[in-house]
Amino acid sequence: MRSKEWFYGQCIALVRETSDLEGIAWRALELGVEGVDNTRGHMNHSVGVAQKFLEDRPAAKDAINELNMEAVDLGDDINADLRTDFVDWIADKAGAFGQVGVHNFGFNFDTFKSVATPRLGGHRQDGGGADNELHIALRLAAYFTE
């Protein structure tokens, strides 16, 4: 488990290298650091949830890295198995997580669920919530932790 600062540092490196994932890395920085559209918390908790999911489900990381796309849209029918796996995984998750030694990264499953839609195991009924942010975080976290 890594901090959001580590994640955004990796995004900056991708932007500097002008890699295939440069656009999505830039979008993650806009959403999570700049906070466009008041999404800083959505992106930050998505970063933690994505990392924890991929840590607990390494096969999902491999599947995501095989996709030839920027963000992983769990709403697409082609990713239905991955979405089902994610929703099943997050169903019983609650509270703060991301403590490594004395460092608390401030991730929280309950906060994520409050901004994600039911399609991703959340409770938000209006708007897209953190769905897009999770799609971005999943793709990048899978790439960063190859």
C-alpha atoms as a PDB file:
ATOM      1  CA  MET A   1       0.000   0.000   0.000  1.00  0.00           C
ATOM      2  CA  ARG A   2       1.359   3.367  -1.023  1.00  0.00           C
ATOM      3  CA  SER A   3       0.306   6.938  -0.266  1.00  0.00           C
ATOM      4  CA  LYS A   4      -1.623   9.199  -2.583  1.00  0.00           C
ATOM      5  CA  GLU A   5       1.508  11.356  -2.767  1.00  0.00           C
ATOM      6  CA  TRP A   6       3.427   8.382  -4.178  1.00  0.00           C
ATOM      7  CA  PHE A   7       0.618   7.784  -6.687  1.00  0.00           C
ATOM      8  CA  TYR A   8       0.619  11.413  -7.869  1.00  0.00           C
ATOM      9  CA  GLY A   9       4.420  11.368  -8.079  1.00  0.00           C
ATOM     10  CA  GLN A  10       4.130   8.400 -10.438  1.00  0.00           C
ATOM     11  CA  CYS A  11       1.572  10.371 -12.463  1.00  0.00           C
ATOM     12  CA  ILE A  12       3.990  13.296 -12.778  1.00  0.00           C
ATOM     13  CA  ALA A  13       6.682  10.913 -14.018  1.00  0.00           C
ATOM     14  CA  LEU A  14       4.293   9.564 -16.691  1.00  0.00           C
ATOM     15  CA  VAL A  15       3.443  13.075 -17.847  1.00  0.00           C
ATOM     16  CA  ARG A  16       7.136  13.936 -18.094  1.00  0.00           C
ATOM     17  CA  GLU A  17       7.895  10.804 -20.145  1.00  0.00           C
ATOM     18  CA  THR A  18       5.024  11.447 -22.516  1.00  0.00           C
ATOM     19  CA  SER A  19       3.977   7.804 -22.284  1.00  0.00           C
ATOM     20  CA  ASP A  20       0.810   6.175 -23.615  1.00  0.00           C
ATOM     21  CA  LEU A  21      -0.805   6.870 -20.250  1.00  0.00           C
ATOM     22  CA  GLU A  22       0.178  10.543 -20.161  1.00  0.00           C
ATOM     23  CA  GLY A  23      -3.388  11.772 -20.718  1.00  0.00           C
ATOM     24  CA  ILE A  24      -4.930   9.705 -17.952  1.00  0.00           C
ATOM     25  CA  ALA A  25      -2.069  10.566 -15.573  1.00  0.00           C
ATOM     26  CA  TRP A  26      -2.676  14.258 -16.252  1.00  0.00           C
ATOM     27  CA  ARG A  27      -6.399  13.770 -15.586  1.00  0.00           C
ATOM     28  CA  ALA A  28      -5.625  12.052 -12.254  1.00  0.00           C
ATOM     29  CA  LEU A  29      -3.505  15.053 -11.271  1.00  0.00           C
ATOM     30  CA  GLU A  30      -6.289  17.461 -12.246  1.00  0.00           C
ATOM     31  CA  LEU A  31      -8.883  15.545 -10.250  1.00  0.00           C
ATOM     32  CA  GLY A  32      -6.811  14.636  -7.196  1.00  0.00           C
ATOM     33  CA  VAL A  33      -4.319  17.465  -6.791  1.00  0.00           C
ATOM     34  CA  GLU A  34      -5.918  20.435  -8.502  1.00  0.00           C
ATOM     35  CA  GLY A  35      -9.376  19.317  -7.392  1.00  0.00           C
ATOM     36  CA  VAL A  36     -11.248  20.313 -10.550  1.00  0.00           C
ATOM     37  CA  ASP A  37     -14.989  19.738 -10.189  1.00  0.00           C
ATOM     38  CA  ASN A  38     -14.518  19.329  -6.403  1.00  0.00           C
ATOM     39  CA  THR A  39     -13.179  15.800  -6.894  1.00  0.00           C
ATOM     40  CA  ARG A  40     -10.054  15.787  -4.740  1.00  0.00           C
ATOM     41  CA  GLY A  41     -11.560  13.445  -2.136  1.00  0.00           C
ATOM     42  CA  HIS A  42     -13.178  11.254  -4.792  1.00  0.00           C
ATOM     43  CA  MET A  43      -9.821  10.703  -6.475  1.00  0.00           C
ATOM     44  CA  ASN A  44      -7.813  10.325  -3.276  1.00  0.00           C
ATOM     45  CA  HIS A  45     -10.059   7.594  -1.833  1.00  0.00           C
ATOM     46  CA  SER A  46     -10.227   5.913  -5.249  1.00  0.00           C
ATOM     47  CA  VAL A  47      -6.420   5.742  -5.244  1.00  0.00           C
ATOM     48  CA  GLY A  48      -6.480   3.832  -1.964  1.00  0.00           C
ATOM     49  CA  VAL A  49      -9.383   1.565  -2.921  1.00  0.00           C
ATOM     50  CA  ALA A  50      -7.779   0.728  -6.275  1.00  0.00           C
ATOM     51  CA  GLN A  51      -4.472  -0.171  -4.641  1.00  0.00           C
ATOM     52  CA  LYS A  52      -6.109  -2.333  -1.976  1.00  0.00           C
ATOM     53  CA  PHE A  53      -8.302  -4.117  -4.529  1.00  0.00           C
ATOM     54  CA  LEU A  54      -5.307  -4.885  -6.754  1.00  0.00           C
ATOM     55  CA  GLU A  55      -3.273  -5.989  -3.742  1.00  0.00           C
ATOM     56  CA  ASP A  56      -6.024  -8.397  -2.689  1.00  0.00           C
ATOM     57  CA  ARG A  57      -6.830  -9.499  -6.252  1.00  0.00           C
ATOM     58  CA  PRO A  58      -3.548  -9.749  -8.217  1.00  0.00           C
ATOM     59  CA  ALA A  59      -5.293 -11.488 -11.131  1.00  0.00           C
ATOM     60  CA  ALA A  60      -7.341  -8.309 -11.631  1.00  0.00           C
ATOM     61  CA  LYS A  61      -4.126  -6.329 -11.950  1.00  0.00           C
ATOM     62  CA  ASP A  62      -2.910  -8.651 -14.691  1.00  0.00           C
ATOM     63  CA  ALA A  63      -6.261  -8.433 -16.505  1.00  0.00           C
ATOM     64  CA  ILE A  64      -6.234  -4.623 -16.340  1.00  0.00           C
ATOM     65  CA  ASN A  65      -2.663  -4.420 -17.621  1.00  0.00           C
ATOM     66  CA  GLU A  66      -3.647  -6.561 -20.612  1.00  0.00           C
ATOM     67  CA  LEU A  67      -6.356  -4.077 -21.616  1.00  0.00           C
ATOM     68  CA  ASN A  68      -5.403  -1.668 -24.354  1.00  0.00           C
ATOM     69  CA  MET A  69      -7.147   1.345 -22.878  1.00  0.00           C
ATOM     70  CA  GLU A  70      -6.560   4.305 -20.649  1.00  0.00           C
ATOM     71  CA  ALA A  71      -9.235   4.108 -17.943  1.00  0.00           C
ATOM     72  CA  VAL A  72     -10.911   0.850 -16.974  1.00  0.00           C
ATOM     73  CA  ASP A  73     -14.651   1.427 -17.314  1.00  0.00           C
ATOM     74  CA  LEU A  74     -16.273  -1.150 -15.078  1.00  0.00           C
ATOM     75  CA  GLY A  75     -19.611  -0.130 -16.555  1.00  0.00           C
ATOM     76  CA  ASP A  76     -18.698  -1.617 -19.934  1.00  0.00           C
ATOM     77  CA  ASP A  77     -20.138  -5.062 -20.528  1.00  0.00           C
ATOM     78  CA  ILE A  78     -16.703  -6.284 -21.578  1.00  0.00           C
ATOM     79  CA  ASN A  79     -15.528  -5.648 -18.002  1.00  0.00           C
ATOM     80  CA  ALA A  80     -18.584  -7.193 -16.290  1.00  0.00           C
ATOM     81  CA  ASP A  81     -16.528  -9.947 -14.618  1.00  0.00           C
ATOM     82  CA  LEU A  82     -14.069  -7.397 -13.239  1.00  0.00           C
ATOM     83  CA  ARG A  83     -16.946  -5.203 -12.001  1.00  0.00           C
ATOM     84  CA  THR A  84     -18.611  -8.174 -10.293  1.00  0.00           C
ATOM     85  CA  ASP A  85     -15.316  -9.109  -8.653  1.00  0.00           C
ATOM     86  CA  PHE A  86     -14.837  -5.521  -7.449  1.00  0.00           C
ATOM     87  CA  VAL A  87     -18.389  -5.164  -6.090  1.00  0.00           C
ATOM     88  CA  ASP A  88     -18.142  -8.535  -4.305  1.00  0.00           C
ATOM     89  CA  TRP A  89     -14.765  -7.545  -2.871  1.00  0.00           C
ATOM     90  CA  ILE A  90     -15.835  -4.120  -1.563  1.00  0.00           C
ATOM     91  CA  ALA A  91     -19.203  -5.259  -0.157  1.00  0.00           C
ATOM     92  CA  ASP A  92     -17.934  -6.053   3.346  1.00  0.00           C
ATOM     93  CA  LYS A  93     -15.191  -3.412   3.488  1.00  0.00           C
ATOM     94  CA  ALA A  94     -15.626  -0.585   5.996  1.00  0.00           C
ATOM     95  CA  GLY A  95     -13.636   2.044   7.829  1.00  0.00           C
ATOM     96  CA  ALA A  96     -10.159   3.448   7.530  1.00  0.00           C
ATOM     97  CA  PHE A  97      -7.336   1.523   5.887  1.00  0.00           C
ATOM     98  CA  GLY A  98      -3.892   2.157   4.515  1.00  0.00           C
ATOM     99  CA  GLN A  99      -1.887   2.187   7.715  1.00  0.00           C
ATOM    100  CA  VAL A 100       1.733   1.234   7.033  1.00  0.00           C
ATOM    101  CA  GLY A 101       3.852   1.310  10.160  1.00  0.00           C
ATOM    102  CA  VAL A 102       3.296   4.705  11.745  1.00  0.00           C
ATOM    103  CA  HIS A 103       2.068   6.206   8.468  1.00  0.00           C
ATOM    104  CA  ASN A 104      -1.678   6.538   8.035  1.00  0.00           C
ATOM    105  CA  PHE A 105      -2.543   7.332   4.417  1.00  0.00           C
ATOM    106  CA  GLY A 106      -6.082   8.438   5.289  1.00  0.00           C
ATOM    107  CA  PHE A 107      -7.970   6.109   2.960  1.00  0.00           C
ATOM    108  CA  ASN A 108     -11.491   5.133   4.003  1.00  0.00           C
ATOM    109  CA  PHE A 109     -13.878   2.572   2.491  1.00  0.00           C
ATOM    110  CA  ASP A 110     -16.948   4.308   3.943  1.00  0.00           C
ATOM    111  CA  THR A 111     -15.968   7.625   2.371  1.00  0.00           C
ATOM    112  CA  PHE A 112     -15.390   5.945  -0.971  1.00  0.00           C
ATOM    113  CA  LYS A 113     -18.778   4.195  -0.776  1.00  0.00           C
ATOM    114  CA  SER A 114     -20.472   7.522   0.011  1.00  0.00           C
ATOM    115  CA  VAL A 115     -19.253   8.986  -3.310  1.00  0.00           C
ATOM    116  CA  ALA A 116     -19.423   5.875  -5.545  1.00  0.00           C
ATOM    117  CA  THR A 117     -22.631   4.717  -7.208  1.00  0.00           C
ATOM    118  CA  PRO A 118     -24.329   1.369  -6.483  1.00  0.00           C
ATOM    119  CA  ARG A 119     -22.843   0.072  -9.736  1.00  0.00           C
ATOM    120  CA  LEU A 120     -19.494   0.069  -7.897  1.00  0.00           C
ATOM    121  CA  GLY A 121     -20.770  -0.941  -4.485  1.00  0.00           C
ATOM    122  CA  GLY A 122     -21.418   2.598  -3.287  1.00  0.00           C
ATOM    123  CA  HIS A 123     -24.426   4.512  -2.017  1.00  0.00           C
ATOM    124  CA  ARG A 124     -24.498   7.694  -4.109  1.00  0.00           C
ATOM    125  CA  GLN A 125     -27.745   7.999  -6.043  1.00  0.00           C
ATOM    126  CA  ASP A 126     -27.188  11.175  -8.048  1.00  0.00           C
ATOM    127  CA  GLY A 127     -24.409  11.843 -10.500  1.00  0.00           C
ATOM    128  CA  GLY A 128     -21.392   9.729 -11.293  1.00  0.00           C
ATOM    129  CA  GLY A 129     -19.721  10.207  -7.959  1.00  0.00           C
ATOM    130  CA  ALA A 130     -16.309   8.603  -7.821  1.00  0.00           C
ATOM    131  CA  ASP A 131     -16.907   6.028 -10.564  1.00  0.00           C
ATOM    132  CA  ASN A 132     -14.735   7.782 -13.141  1.00  0.00           C
ATOM    133  CA  GLU A 133     -12.038   8.436 -10.565  1.00  0.00           C
ATOM    134  CA  LEU A 134     -11.922   4.751  -9.620  1.00  0.00           C
ATOM    135  CA  HIS A 135     -11.632   3.771 -13.292  1.00  0.00           C
ATOM    136  CA  ILE A 136      -8.630   6.092 -13.646  1.00  0.00           C
ATOM    137  CA  ALA A 137      -7.043   4.956 -10.379  1.00  0.00           C
ATOM    138  CA  LEU A 138      -7.456   1.253 -11.230  1.00  0.00           C
ATOM    139  CA  ARG A 139      -5.698   1.618 -14.579  1.00  0.00           C
ATOM    140  CA  LEU A 140      -2.836   3.663 -13.214  1.00  0.00           C
ATOM    141  CA  ALA A 141      -2.371   1.659 -10.002  1.00  0.00           C
ATOM    142  CA  ALA A 142      -2.229  -1.557 -12.052  1.00  0.00           C
ATOM    143  CA  TYR A 143       0.456   0.011 -14.260  1.00  0.00           C
ATOM    144  CA  PHE A 144       2.449   1.454 -11.341  1.00  0.00           C
ATOM    145  CA  THR A 145       2.547  -1.830  -9.441  1.00  0.00           C
ATOM    146  CA  GLU A 146       3.461  -4.183 -12.330  1.00  0.00           C
END
